[in-house]
Amino acid sequence: MNELSEIRSEIDRIDAEIVSLFVRRLETVEKIAESKRASGRSIVDAEREKLVRSRIRALAGERYGNDVDLLFTAIFDISKARQRAILSEGGR
C-alpha cells in the first residue's frame, strides 16, 4: 500500500468513528427533546450553545478553532431540526 492509500485508510477509519459518535449524539438529542417536551422548555438554549462553542473552540485550539466552530454550527442546526421533528411528531 502506498502512502496516500494508507492516509486515506486512516481517513476512512476516522470517518467511521465520526459517524458512530454523531449517531450517538443524535440519539442523545432525541432524549433532550423528550425532556424539553416534558418540562415545556424551548428547543433553543442560547446560553448552552455559547458555552459549548467556547468549550469546543478551546479543545480544538487556535489552529482549528474556527473550523470546529463551523462544524458545530452545522451540528447545532441538525440537532435543533431533529428536536423540532420529534416535538412536532409528539414523540419518536
Foldseek 3Di string as FASTA:
>chain_A
DDPVVVVVVVVVVVVVVVVVVLVVVLVVLQVVLVVCVVVVHDLDDPVVVVVVLVVVLVVVDPVCSVVVSVVVVVSSVVSSVSSVVQVVVVHD
